[in-house]
Amino acid sequence: MRILITAGPTREYIDAVRFISNASSGRMGCVLAAAAAAAGHEVTLLLGRGAAATVAANAAGRVETVPFDSVAELASELSDRFPACDALLMAAAVGDFRPETRAAGKLSRSGGPIELRLIPTEDVLAATTASRRPGQVVVAFAVEQGSDEQIETRALTKLARKGADLIVLNTPEAMAAEASRACVLSPRGAVLQWAERPKKALAEAIVRLLG
């Protein structure tokens, strides 16, 4: 199976040297890549440049790693690579906002206060799955807070909107951590129940769900 995995944060630049990002380390996507490669799959990992994690095991060269920076760069890579994959695991922490304008050069503190207007980024996964072909499997990821019931209700709506088959739910405490309290939902309900697991164990369980 040809598996495409995204991991890590996006960066949206304010000026030539400053950007807004998030706390994702890329660990979840990297352990997914290692687990998929160890299971014998052909893996391409799109890895945000701000990620701290690396692929733990290359499994005889089965992991191709491709860097990306912004949401637009990630969208471009997905547009190029999604048609050829059999499964997409969208573990990247895609930023929800970007600066409306990017300043030329480097802003100077001596210039005084600045106002930063943020606008929503595109829904990269929904745009990608709009062109999916029969047989492709898509796994979405979401970081949510609230009760388990509240999280699952929001997730099922998101699952349908994004055109995914499964959604992996994490809480904010999972960001950059080695373990995650998570569950996996399909449109019919939970296929992996809520539990605290090392991300390596969660990754192996997700790969097994691909069939």
N, C-alpha and C. Protein backbone atom coordinates (compact mmCIF):
# COMPACT_ATOMS: atom_id res chain seq x y z
N MET A 1 0.84 -1.19 0.00
CA MET A 1 0.00 0.00 0.00
C MET A 1 0.89 1.25 0.00
N ARG A 2 0.50 2.23 -0.79
CA ARG A 2 1.22 3.51 -0.83
C ARG A 2 0.53 4.49 0.12
N ILE A 3 1.24 4.86 1.18
CA ILE A 3 0.65 5.68 2.22
C ILE A 3 1.30 7.06 2.25
N LEU A 4 0.48 8.09 2.21
CA LEU A 4 0.93 9.47 2.29
C LEU A 4 0.58 10.00 3.68
N ILE A 5 1.57 10.52 4.39
CA ILE A 5 1.39 10.99 5.76
C ILE A 5 1.86 12.43 5.87
N THR A 6 1.10 13.25 6.57
CA THR A 6 1.54 14.62 6.85
C THR A 6 1.81 14.75 8.34
N ALA A 7 2.78 15.59 8.69
CA ALA A 7 3.18 15.71 10.09
C ALA A 7 3.76 17.09 10.37
N GLY A 8 3.62 17.50 11.62
CA GLY A 8 4.28 18.72 12.06
C GLY A 8 3.45 19.97 11.83
N PRO A 9 4.01 21.12 12.21
CA PRO A 9 3.29 22.39 12.13
C PRO A 9 3.44 23.06 10.78
N THR A 10 2.56 23.99 10.52
CA THR A 10 2.75 24.91 9.40
C THR A 10 3.30 26.23 9.93
N ARG A 11 3.90 27.00 9.02
CA ARG A 11 4.40 28.34 9.36
C ARG A 11 3.79 29.34 8.40
N GLU A 12 3.29 30.43 8.95
CA GLU A 12 2.74 31.51 8.13
C GLU A 12 3.50 32.78 8.47
N TYR A 13 4.19 33.33 7.50
CA TYR A 13 5.15 34.40 7.77
C TYR A 13 4.49 35.77 7.92
N ILE A 14 4.99 36.50 8.92
CA ILE A 14 4.60 37.89 9.17
C ILE A 14 5.49 38.83 8.37
N ASP A 15 6.79 38.52 8.39
CA ASP A 15 7.77 39.25 7.58
C ASP A 15 8.83 38.25 7.15
N ALA A 16 10.01 38.71 6.79
CA ALA A 16 11.02 37.80 6.25
C ALA A 16 11.56 36.81 7.28
N VAL A 17 11.44 37.11 8.57
CA VAL A 17 12.04 36.26 9.59
C VAL A 17 11.07 35.79 10.67
N ARG A 18 9.87 36.34 10.73
CA ARG A 18 8.93 36.00 11.80
C ARG A 18 7.71 35.29 11.22
N PHE A 19 7.17 34.38 12.02
CA PHE A 19 6.01 33.62 11.54
C PHE A 19 5.14 33.23 12.72
N ILE A 20 3.88 32.84 12.42
CA ILE A 20 3.02 32.23 13.43
C ILE A 20 2.97 30.73 13.13
N SER A 21 2.93 29.95 14.20
CA SER A 21 2.96 28.50 14.05
C SER A 21 2.17 27.88 15.20
N ASN A 22 2.47 26.64 15.54
CA ASN A 22 1.81 25.97 16.66
C ASN A 22 2.79 25.01 17.33
N ALA A 23 2.31 24.34 18.37
CA ALA A 23 3.20 23.56 19.23
C ALA A 23 3.46 22.13 18.73
N SER A 24 2.98 21.78 17.56
CA SER A 24 3.18 20.41 17.08
C SER A 24 4.66 20.09 16.89
N SER A 25 5.06 18.92 17.38
CA SER A 25 6.44 18.46 17.20
C SER A 25 6.59 17.57 15.98
N GLY A 26 5.47 17.11 15.41
CA GLY A 26 5.54 16.16 14.30
C GLY A 26 5.69 14.71 14.74
N ARG A 27 5.71 14.48 16.06
CA ARG A 27 5.97 13.13 16.57
C ARG A 27 4.94 12.11 16.07
N MET A 28 3.64 12.48 16.10
CA MET A 28 2.61 11.52 15.71
C MET A 28 2.79 11.07 14.27
N GLY A 29 3.01 12.02 13.37
CA GLY A 29 3.20 11.67 11.97
C GLY A 29 4.45 10.83 11.74
N CYS A 30 5.50 11.15 12.50
CA CYS A 30 6.75 10.39 12.33
C CYS A 30 6.62 8.96 12.82
N VAL A 31 5.95 8.75 13.94
CA VAL A 31 5.78 7.36 14.39
C VAL A 31 4.80 6.62 13.48
N LEU A 32 3.84 7.34 12.89
CA LEU A 32 2.98 6.71 11.88
C LEU A 32 3.80 6.25 10.68
N ALA A 33 4.72 7.10 10.23
CA ALA A 33 5.57 6.74 9.09
C ALA A 33 6.41 5.52 9.41
N ALA A 34 6.98 5.49 10.61
CA ALA A 34 7.80 4.35 11.01
C ALA A 34 6.97 3.08 11.10
N ALA A 35 5.76 3.19 11.67
CA ALA A 35 4.91 2.01 11.81
C ALA A 35 4.45 1.49 10.45
N ALA A 36 4.09 2.41 9.56
CA ALA A 36 3.64 2.00 8.23
C ALA A 36 4.77 1.35 7.44
N ALA A 37 5.97 1.91 7.55
CA ALA A 37 7.12 1.33 6.85
C ALA A 37 7.47 -0.04 7.41
N ALA A 38 7.42 -0.16 8.75
CA ALA A 38 7.73 -1.45 9.38
C ALA A 38 6.72 -2.51 8.98
N ALA A 39 5.49 -2.09 8.65
CA ALA A 39 4.47 -3.04 8.21
C ALA A 39 4.58 -3.37 6.74
N GLY A 40 5.59 -2.80 6.07
CA GLY A 40 5.85 -3.15 4.67
C GLY A 40 5.25 -2.22 3.64
N HIS A 41 4.70 -1.10 4.08
CA HIS A 41 4.08 -0.16 3.14
C HIS A 41 5.12 0.81 2.57
N GLU A 42 4.80 1.37 1.43
CA GLU A 42 5.62 2.42 0.81
C GLU A 42 5.10 3.76 1.32
N VAL A 43 5.98 4.54 1.95
CA VAL A 43 5.54 5.72 2.70
C VAL A 43 6.18 7.00 2.20
N THR A 44 5.35 8.02 2.02
CA THR A 44 5.85 9.38 1.80
C THR A 44 5.38 10.22 2.97
N LEU A 45 6.33 10.90 3.62
CA LEU A 45 6.04 11.72 4.79
C LEU A 45 6.27 13.18 4.43
N LEU A 46 5.20 13.98 4.46
CA LEU A 46 5.31 15.42 4.29
C LEU A 46 5.48 16.01 5.69
N LEU A 47 6.65 16.59 5.95
CA LEU A 47 7.04 16.97 7.32
C LEU A 47 7.27 18.47 7.42
N GLY A 48 6.52 19.13 8.29
CA GLY A 48 6.68 20.57 8.50
C GLY A 48 8.10 20.91 8.96
N ARG A 49 8.64 21.98 8.42
CA ARG A 49 10.03 22.34 8.75
C ARG A 49 10.22 22.69 10.22
N GLY A 50 9.16 23.05 10.91
CA GLY A 50 9.30 23.34 12.33
C GLY A 50 9.23 22.11 13.21
N ALA A 51 9.10 20.92 12.63
CA ALA A 51 8.95 19.70 13.43
C ALA A 51 10.25 19.35 14.13
N ALA A 52 10.13 18.88 15.36
CA ALA A 52 11.30 18.47 16.12
C ALA A 52 11.58 16.98 15.97
N ALA A 53 10.54 16.20 15.66
CA ALA A 53 10.66 14.75 15.59
C ALA A 53 11.25 14.32 14.25
N THR A 54 11.82 13.13 14.22
CA THR A 54 12.31 12.52 13.00
C THR A 54 11.76 11.11 12.90
N VAL A 55 11.85 10.51 11.72
CA VAL A 55 11.36 9.14 11.55
C VAL A 55 12.28 8.20 12.32
N ALA A 56 11.71 7.43 13.22
CA ALA A 56 12.51 6.59 14.10
C ALA A 56 13.13 5.41 13.37
N ALA A 57 12.46 4.92 12.33
CA ALA A 57 12.97 3.76 11.60
C ALA A 57 12.64 3.92 10.13
N ASN A 58 13.65 3.80 9.28
CA ASN A 58 13.42 4.00 7.86
C ASN A 58 12.90 2.74 7.17
N ALA A 59 13.04 1.60 7.82
CA ALA A 59 12.54 0.32 7.28
C ALA A 59 13.00 0.11 5.84
N ALA A 60 14.30 0.00 5.69
CA ALA A 60 14.92 -0.31 4.39
C ALA A 60 14.54 0.68 3.30
N GLY A 61 14.52 1.96 3.65
CA GLY A 61 14.31 3.00 2.64
C GLY A 61 12.88 3.17 2.18
N ARG A 62 11.91 2.71 2.96
CA ARG A 62 10.52 2.81 2.52
C ARG A 62 9.88 4.16 2.85
N VAL A 63 10.60 5.06 3.50
CA VAL A 63 10.05 6.37 3.85
C VAL A 63 10.77 7.46 3.07
N GLU A 64 10.01 8.16 2.25
CA GLU A 64 10.51 9.35 1.56
C GLU A 64 10.00 10.57 2.35
N THR A 65 10.91 11.43 2.78
CA THR A 65 10.53 12.60 3.57
C THR A 65 10.63 13.86 2.72
N VAL A 66 9.54 14.63 2.70
CA VAL A 66 9.46 15.85 1.89
C VAL A 66 9.10 17.01 2.82
N PRO A 67 9.92 18.07 2.89
CA PRO A 67 9.59 19.18 3.78
C PRO A 67 8.54 20.12 3.20
N PHE A 68 7.80 20.76 4.09
CA PHE A 68 6.90 21.84 3.68
C PHE A 68 6.94 22.92 4.75
N ASP A 69 6.46 24.10 4.41
CA ASP A 69 6.50 25.23 5.33
C ASP A 69 5.08 25.73 5.61
N SER A 70 4.47 26.36 4.65
CA SER A 70 3.17 27.00 4.84
C SER A 70 2.02 26.07 4.49
N VAL A 71 0.80 26.52 4.81
CA VAL A 71 -0.39 25.78 4.41
C VAL A 71 -0.45 25.65 2.90
N ALA A 72 -0.10 26.72 2.19
CA ALA A 72 -0.13 26.68 0.73
C ALA A 72 0.86 25.65 0.18
N GLU A 73 2.05 25.55 0.79
CA GLU A 73 3.03 24.55 0.34
C GLU A 73 2.51 23.14 0.60
N LEU A 74 1.91 22.92 1.76
CA LEU A 74 1.35 21.61 2.07
C LEU A 74 0.24 21.26 1.07
N ALA A 75 -0.62 22.23 0.78
CA ALA A 75 -1.70 22.00 -0.18
C ALA A 75 -1.16 21.62 -1.55
N SER A 76 -0.07 22.27 -1.95
CA SER A 76 0.54 21.97 -3.24
C SER A 76 1.10 20.55 -3.28
N GLU A 77 1.79 20.16 -2.21
CA GLU A 77 2.35 18.80 -2.14
C GLU A 77 1.23 17.76 -2.15
N LEU A 78 0.16 18.02 -1.42
CA LEU A 78 -0.96 17.08 -1.41
C LEU A 78 -1.61 16.98 -2.79
N SER A 79 -1.75 18.10 -3.46
CA SER A 79 -2.35 18.09 -4.79
C SER A 79 -1.53 17.23 -5.74
N ASP A 80 -0.21 17.28 -5.60
CA ASP A 80 0.67 16.50 -6.49
C ASP A 80 0.68 15.02 -6.14
N ARG A 81 0.61 14.71 -4.84
CA ARG A 81 0.89 13.34 -4.40
C ARG A 81 -0.33 12.52 -4.01
N PHE A 82 -1.43 13.17 -3.66
CA PHE A 82 -2.61 12.43 -3.22
C PHE A 82 -3.17 11.49 -4.29
N PRO A 83 -3.22 11.88 -5.57
CA PRO A 83 -3.83 10.98 -6.55
C PRO A 83 -3.18 9.61 -6.63
N ALA A 84 -1.89 9.51 -6.32
CA ALA A 84 -1.19 8.23 -6.46
C ALA A 84 -1.20 7.39 -5.19
N CYS A 85 -1.68 7.93 -4.07
CA CYS A 85 -1.60 7.18 -2.82
C CYS A 85 -2.85 6.31 -2.64
N ASP A 86 -2.70 5.29 -1.80
CA ASP A 86 -3.82 4.44 -1.44
C ASP A 86 -4.47 4.89 -0.13
N ALA A 87 -3.68 5.56 0.72
CA ALA A 87 -4.20 6.05 1.99
C ALA A 87 -3.50 7.34 2.36
N LEU A 88 -4.25 8.26 2.93
CA LEU A 88 -3.72 9.53 3.42
C LEU A 88 -3.99 9.61 4.91
N LEU A 89 -2.92 9.83 5.69
CA LEU A 89 -3.03 10.04 7.13
C LEU A 89 -2.66 11.49 7.41
N MET A 90 -3.65 12.32 7.71
CA MET A 90 -3.46 13.76 7.79
C MET A 90 -3.18 14.19 9.22
N ALA A 91 -1.96 13.86 9.71
CA ALA A 91 -1.60 14.14 11.10
C ALA A 91 -1.00 15.53 11.30
N ALA A 92 -0.72 16.25 10.24
CA ALA A 92 -0.13 17.58 10.38
C ALA A 92 -1.07 18.52 11.14
N ALA A 93 -0.48 19.41 11.94
CA ALA A 93 -1.24 20.44 12.65
C ALA A 93 -1.31 21.67 11.74
N VAL A 94 -2.31 21.70 10.91
CA VAL A 94 -2.43 22.76 9.90
C VAL A 94 -2.99 24.02 10.56
N GLY A 95 -2.28 25.13 10.40
CA GLY A 95 -2.71 26.38 11.01
C GLY A 95 -4.05 26.84 10.48
N ASP A 96 -4.88 27.38 11.36
CA ASP A 96 -6.21 27.85 10.97
C ASP A 96 -6.21 29.28 10.45
N PHE A 97 -5.14 30.02 10.73
CA PHE A 97 -5.08 31.43 10.33
C PHE A 97 -3.71 31.78 9.76
N ARG A 98 -3.69 32.81 8.94
CA ARG A 98 -2.44 33.36 8.42
C ARG A 98 -2.56 34.89 8.38
N PRO A 99 -1.42 35.58 8.42
CA PRO A 99 -1.47 37.03 8.29
C PRO A 99 -2.09 37.44 6.95
N GLU A 100 -2.92 38.45 6.98
CA GLU A 100 -3.55 38.89 5.74
C GLU A 100 -2.51 39.41 4.76
N THR A 101 -1.48 40.07 5.27
CA THR A 101 -0.39 40.54 4.42
C THR A 101 0.94 40.14 5.04
N ARG A 102 1.93 39.98 4.20
CA ARG A 102 3.29 39.69 4.67
C ARG A 102 4.16 40.90 4.37
N ALA A 103 4.80 41.41 5.40
CA ALA A 103 5.64 42.60 5.22
C ALA A 103 6.88 42.26 4.42
N ALA A 104 7.31 43.19 3.60
CA ALA A 104 8.56 43.02 2.86
C ALA A 104 9.73 43.21 3.82
N GLY A 105 10.73 42.36 3.72
CA GLY A 105 11.90 42.49 4.58
C GLY A 105 11.59 42.16 6.02
N LYS A 106 12.36 42.76 6.94
CA LYS A 106 12.22 42.51 8.37
C LYS A 106 11.63 43.75 9.05
N LEU A 107 10.54 43.56 9.75
CA LEU A 107 9.95 44.68 10.49
C LEU A 107 10.88 45.12 11.62
N SER A 108 10.97 46.43 11.83
CA SER A 108 11.84 46.96 12.87
C SER A 108 11.03 47.35 14.10
N ARG A 109 11.53 46.99 15.28
CA ARG A 109 10.87 47.37 16.52
C ARG A 109 10.78 48.88 16.67
N SER A 110 11.76 49.58 16.12
CA SER A 110 11.77 51.04 16.23
C SER A 110 10.61 51.69 15.47
N GLY A 111 9.98 50.91 14.60
CA GLY A 111 8.85 51.43 13.85
C GLY A 111 7.59 51.55 14.67
N GLY A 112 7.63 51.05 15.93
CA GLY A 112 6.48 51.18 16.82
C GLY A 112 5.54 50.00 16.73
N PRO A 113 4.38 50.08 17.38
CA PRO A 113 3.43 48.97 17.38
C PRO A 113 2.93 48.64 15.97
N ILE A 114 2.61 47.39 15.77
CA ILE A 114 2.00 46.98 14.51
C ILE A 114 0.68 46.28 14.82
N GLU A 115 -0.22 46.31 13.89
CA GLU A 115 -1.46 45.56 14.00
C GLU A 115 -1.40 44.39 13.03
N LEU A 116 -1.71 43.20 13.54
CA LEU A 116 -1.64 41.99 12.74
C LEU A 116 -3.05 41.46 12.54
N ARG A 117 -3.50 41.44 11.31
CA ARG A 117 -4.83 40.92 10.99
C ARG A 117 -4.67 39.50 10.44
N LEU A 118 -5.37 38.56 11.06
CA LEU A 118 -5.28 37.16 10.65
C LEU A 118 -6.56 36.76 9.92
N ILE A 119 -6.39 36.00 8.86
CA ILE A 119 -7.54 35.51 8.09
C ILE A 119 -7.47 33.98 8.04
N PRO A 120 -8.60 33.31 7.89
CA PRO A 120 -8.60 31.84 7.88
C PRO A 120 -7.81 31.28 6.69
N THR A 121 -7.14 30.17 6.94
CA THR A 121 -6.49 29.43 5.86
C THR A 121 -7.52 28.51 5.21
N GLU A 122 -7.17 27.94 4.08
CA GLU A 122 -8.07 27.01 3.41
C GLU A 122 -8.14 25.68 4.17
N ASP A 123 -9.23 24.98 4.02
CA ASP A 123 -9.37 23.64 4.59
C ASP A 123 -8.68 22.68 3.64
N VAL A 124 -7.42 22.41 3.92
CA VAL A 124 -6.59 21.63 3.00
C VAL A 124 -7.12 20.21 2.80
N LEU A 125 -7.55 19.59 3.88
CA LEU A 125 -8.01 18.20 3.75
C LEU A 125 -9.30 18.12 2.94
N ALA A 126 -10.25 19.00 3.22
CA ALA A 126 -11.50 18.98 2.46
C ALA A 126 -11.25 19.23 0.98
N ALA A 127 -10.33 20.14 0.67
CA ALA A 127 -10.00 20.41 -0.73
C ALA A 127 -9.35 19.20 -1.39
N THR A 128 -8.54 18.48 -0.62
CA THR A 128 -7.84 17.31 -1.15
C THR A 128 -8.81 16.16 -1.41
N THR A 129 -9.69 15.88 -0.46
CA THR A 129 -10.58 14.74 -0.61
C THR A 129 -11.66 14.97 -1.66
N ALA A 130 -11.86 16.22 -2.07
CA ALA A 130 -12.86 16.50 -3.11
C ALA A 130 -12.53 15.77 -4.40
N SER A 131 -11.25 15.42 -4.59
CA SER A 131 -10.84 14.74 -5.82
C SER A 131 -10.48 13.27 -5.58
N ARG A 132 -10.88 12.72 -4.44
CA ARG A 132 -10.48 11.34 -4.14
C ARG A 132 -11.12 10.36 -5.10
N ARG A 133 -10.41 9.28 -5.34
CA ARG A 133 -10.92 8.24 -6.22
C ARG A 133 -11.41 7.07 -5.37
N PRO A 134 -12.25 6.19 -5.93
CA PRO A 134 -12.74 5.04 -5.18
C PRO A 134 -11.58 4.20 -4.65
N GLY A 135 -11.72 3.75 -3.43
CA GLY A 135 -10.71 2.88 -2.84
C GLY A 135 -9.69 3.58 -1.97
N GLN A 136 -9.55 4.90 -2.11
CA GLN A 136 -8.61 5.62 -1.26
C GLN A 136 -9.17 5.74 0.16
N VAL A 137 -8.29 5.57 1.14
CA VAL A 137 -8.66 5.69 2.54
C VAL A 137 -8.08 7.00 3.08
N VAL A 138 -8.90 7.76 3.77
CA VAL A 138 -8.46 9.05 4.32
C VAL A 138 -8.71 9.06 5.83
N VAL A 139 -7.65 9.37 6.57
CA VAL A 139 -7.73 9.46 8.03
C VAL A 139 -7.44 10.89 8.44
N ALA A 140 -8.42 11.54 9.07
CA ALA A 140 -8.26 12.90 9.59
C ALA A 140 -7.80 12.84 11.04
N PHE A 141 -7.24 13.94 11.51
CA PHE A 141 -6.82 14.07 12.91
C PHE A 141 -7.40 15.37 13.45
N ALA A 142 -7.76 15.37 14.72
CA ALA A 142 -8.29 16.59 15.33
C ALA A 142 -7.86 16.68 16.78
N VAL A 143 -7.54 17.88 17.20
CA VAL A 143 -7.28 18.18 18.61
C VAL A 143 -8.50 18.93 19.13
N GLU A 144 -9.18 18.34 20.11
CA GLU A 144 -10.41 18.92 20.63
C GLU A 144 -10.38 18.93 22.15
N GLN A 145 -11.18 19.81 22.75
CA GLN A 145 -11.32 19.80 24.20
C GLN A 145 -12.79 19.81 24.58
N GLY A 146 -13.06 19.32 25.80
CA GLY A 146 -14.43 19.17 26.26
C GLY A 146 -14.64 17.75 26.75
N SER A 147 -15.89 17.39 27.02
CA SER A 147 -16.18 16.01 27.42
C SER A 147 -16.02 15.09 26.22
N ASP A 148 -15.87 13.79 26.48
CA ASP A 148 -15.73 12.83 25.38
C ASP A 148 -16.93 12.93 24.44
N GLU A 149 -18.12 13.07 25.00
CA GLU A 149 -19.33 13.15 24.18
C GLU A 149 -19.32 14.39 23.30
N GLN A 150 -18.92 15.54 23.87
CA GLN A 150 -18.85 16.77 23.09
C GLN A 150 -17.83 16.66 21.97
N ILE A 151 -16.66 16.09 22.29
CA ILE A 151 -15.61 15.94 21.30
C ILE A 151 -16.07 15.04 20.16
N GLU A 152 -16.70 13.93 20.49
CA GLU A 152 -17.13 12.98 19.46
C GLU A 152 -18.22 13.57 18.57
N THR A 153 -19.13 14.35 19.16
CA THR A 153 -20.18 14.98 18.37
C THR A 153 -19.59 15.95 17.35
N ARG A 154 -18.65 16.79 17.79
CA ARG A 154 -18.00 17.73 16.86
C ARG A 154 -17.20 16.98 15.81
N ALA A 155 -16.56 15.90 16.24
CA ALA A 155 -15.70 15.15 15.32
C ALA A 155 -16.48 14.49 14.20
N LEU A 156 -17.67 13.97 14.50
CA LEU A 156 -18.46 13.33 13.46
C LEU A 156 -18.90 14.34 12.40
N THR A 157 -19.18 15.56 12.82
CA THR A 157 -19.49 16.62 11.86
C THR A 157 -18.27 16.94 11.01
N LYS A 158 -17.13 17.03 11.66
CA LYS A 158 -15.88 17.33 10.95
C LYS A 158 -15.52 16.19 9.99
N LEU A 159 -15.75 14.96 10.41
CA LEU A 159 -15.46 13.80 9.57
C LEU A 159 -16.21 13.88 8.25
N ALA A 160 -17.49 14.22 8.32
CA ALA A 160 -18.30 14.33 7.10
C ALA A 160 -17.85 15.52 6.26
N ARG A 161 -17.57 16.65 6.90
CA ARG A 161 -17.19 17.86 6.16
C ARG A 161 -15.87 17.67 5.42
N LYS A 162 -14.97 16.93 6.00
CA LYS A 162 -13.65 16.76 5.40
C LYS A 162 -13.57 15.57 4.45
N GLY A 163 -14.63 14.80 4.35
CA GLY A 163 -14.64 13.69 3.43
C GLY A 163 -13.70 12.56 3.80
N ALA A 164 -13.53 12.34 5.11
CA ALA A 164 -12.61 11.31 5.59
C ALA A 164 -13.37 10.05 5.99
N ASP A 165 -12.64 8.94 6.10
CA ASP A 165 -13.21 7.67 6.52
C ASP A 165 -13.11 7.47 8.02
N LEU A 166 -12.03 7.96 8.60
CA LEU A 166 -11.77 7.84 10.03
C LEU A 166 -11.26 9.18 10.54
N ILE A 167 -11.45 9.43 11.84
CA ILE A 167 -10.86 10.61 12.45
C ILE A 167 -10.25 10.21 13.80
N VAL A 168 -9.01 10.62 14.00
CA VAL A 168 -8.28 10.37 15.24
C VAL A 168 -8.45 11.59 16.13
N LEU A 169 -8.98 11.39 17.33
CA LEU A 169 -9.23 12.49 18.25
C LEU A 169 -8.20 12.51 19.35
N ASN A 170 -7.59 13.67 19.55
CA ASN A 170 -6.64 13.89 20.63
C ASN A 170 -7.09 15.10 21.44
N THR A 171 -6.57 15.22 22.64
CA THR A 171 -6.79 16.41 23.45
C THR A 171 -5.57 17.32 23.33
N PRO A 172 -5.68 18.60 23.72
CA PRO A 172 -4.54 19.52 23.58
C PRO A 172 -3.26 19.05 24.28
N GLU A 173 -3.40 18.24 25.33
CA GLU A 173 -2.23 17.76 26.06
C GLU A 173 -1.34 16.86 25.20
N ALA A 174 -1.87 16.37 24.08
CA ALA A 174 -1.09 15.49 23.20
C ALA A 174 -0.03 16.25 22.40
N MET A 175 -0.19 17.56 22.27
CA MET A 175 0.74 18.34 21.44
C MET A 175 2.16 18.21 21.98
N ALA A 176 3.06 17.70 21.14
CA ALA A 176 4.49 17.55 21.44
C ALA A 176 4.77 16.52 22.54
N ALA A 177 3.76 15.77 22.99
CA ALA A 177 3.96 14.78 24.04
C ALA A 177 4.28 13.41 23.44
N GLU A 178 4.80 12.51 24.28
CA GLU A 178 5.14 11.17 23.82
C GLU A 178 3.95 10.23 23.86
N ALA A 179 2.91 10.60 24.60
CA ALA A 179 1.71 9.78 24.70
C ALA A 179 0.50 10.63 24.37
N SER A 180 -0.61 9.96 24.12
CA SER A 180 -1.81 10.68 23.73
C SER A 180 -3.04 9.96 24.25
N ARG A 181 -3.95 10.70 24.86
CA ARG A 181 -5.27 10.15 25.15
C ARG A 181 -6.10 10.36 23.90
N ALA A 182 -6.46 9.29 23.25
CA ALA A 182 -7.05 9.40 21.92
C ALA A 182 -8.07 8.29 21.68
N CYS A 183 -8.91 8.52 20.68
CA CYS A 183 -9.78 7.48 20.16
C CYS A 183 -9.87 7.66 18.65
N VAL A 184 -10.41 6.68 17.95
CA VAL A 184 -10.59 6.76 16.50
C VAL A 184 -12.06 6.48 16.20
N LEU A 185 -12.66 7.39 15.43
CA LEU A 185 -14.07 7.25 15.06
C LEU A 185 -14.23 7.01 13.57
N SER A 186 -15.22 6.21 13.22
CA SER A 186 -15.73 6.12 11.86
C SER A 186 -17.12 6.75 11.87
N PRO A 187 -17.77 6.92 10.73
CA PRO A 187 -19.14 7.46 10.75
C PRO A 187 -20.10 6.61 11.58
N ARG A 188 -19.76 5.36 11.83
CA ARG A 188 -20.64 4.46 12.59
C ARG A 188 -20.32 4.43 14.08
N GLY A 189 -19.25 5.13 14.48
CA GLY A 189 -18.89 5.16 15.90
C GLY A 189 -17.43 4.81 16.11
N ALA A 190 -17.07 4.51 17.34
CA ALA A 190 -15.67 4.28 17.70
C ALA A 190 -15.15 2.96 17.14
N VAL A 191 -13.98 3.01 16.52
CA VAL A 191 -13.29 1.79 16.10
C VAL A 191 -12.05 1.56 16.96
N LEU A 192 -11.69 2.56 17.74
CA LEU A 192 -10.63 2.45 18.75
C LEU A 192 -11.06 3.33 19.91
N GLN A 193 -11.24 2.72 21.08
CA GLN A 193 -11.82 3.43 22.22
C GLN A 193 -10.82 4.40 22.85
N TRP A 194 -11.37 5.36 23.59
CA TRP A 194 -10.53 6.31 24.32
C TRP A 194 -9.59 5.58 25.27
N ALA A 195 -8.31 5.95 25.23
CA ALA A 195 -7.32 5.41 26.16
C ALA A 195 -6.06 6.25 26.06
N GLU A 196 -5.29 6.24 27.12
CA GLU A 196 -3.97 6.88 27.11
C GLU A 196 -2.98 5.86 26.57
N ARG A 197 -2.30 6.20 25.48
CA ARG A 197 -1.37 5.28 24.84
C ARG A 197 -0.10 6.02 24.44
N PRO A 198 1.05 5.34 24.42
CA PRO A 198 2.21 5.93 23.75
C PRO A 198 1.85 6.17 22.29
N LYS A 199 2.36 7.23 21.71
CA LYS A 199 2.02 7.53 20.32
C LYS A 199 2.47 6.41 19.38
N LYS A 200 3.53 5.71 19.73
CA LYS A 200 3.97 4.58 18.91
C LYS A 200 2.88 3.50 18.87
N ALA A 201 2.28 3.21 20.01
CA ALA A 201 1.22 2.20 20.05
C ALA A 201 -0.01 2.69 19.30
N LEU A 202 -0.34 3.96 19.44
CA LEU A 202 -1.48 4.52 18.70
C LEU A 202 -1.22 4.44 17.20
N ALA A 203 -0.01 4.77 16.77
CA ALA A 203 0.34 4.71 15.35
C ALA A 203 0.18 3.30 14.81
N GLU A 204 0.66 2.31 15.54
CA GLU A 204 0.55 0.93 15.09
C GLU A 204 -0.91 0.51 14.96
N ALA A 205 -1.75 0.96 15.90
CA ALA A 205 -3.18 0.63 15.83
C ALA A 205 -3.84 1.28 14.62
N ILE A 206 -3.47 2.52 14.32
CA ILE A 206 -4.04 3.22 13.16
C ILE A 206 -3.63 2.51 11.88
N VAL A 207 -2.38 2.12 11.75
CA VAL A 207 -1.91 1.43 10.55
C VAL A 207 -2.67 0.12 10.37
N ARG A 208 -2.94 -0.59 11.46
CA ARG A 208 -3.71 -1.85 11.34
C ARG A 208 -5.12 -1.59 10.85
N LEU A 209 -5.70 -0.44 11.18
CA LEU A 209 -7.06 -0.13 10.74
C LEU A 209 -7.14 0.10 9.23
N LEU A 210 -6.00 0.35 8.59
CA LEU A 210 -6.00 0.58 7.14
C LEU A 210 -6.25 -0.70 6.36
N GLY A 211 -6.07 -1.84 7.01
CA GLY A 211 -6.32 -3.11 6.35
C GLY A 211 -5.10 -3.68 5.66
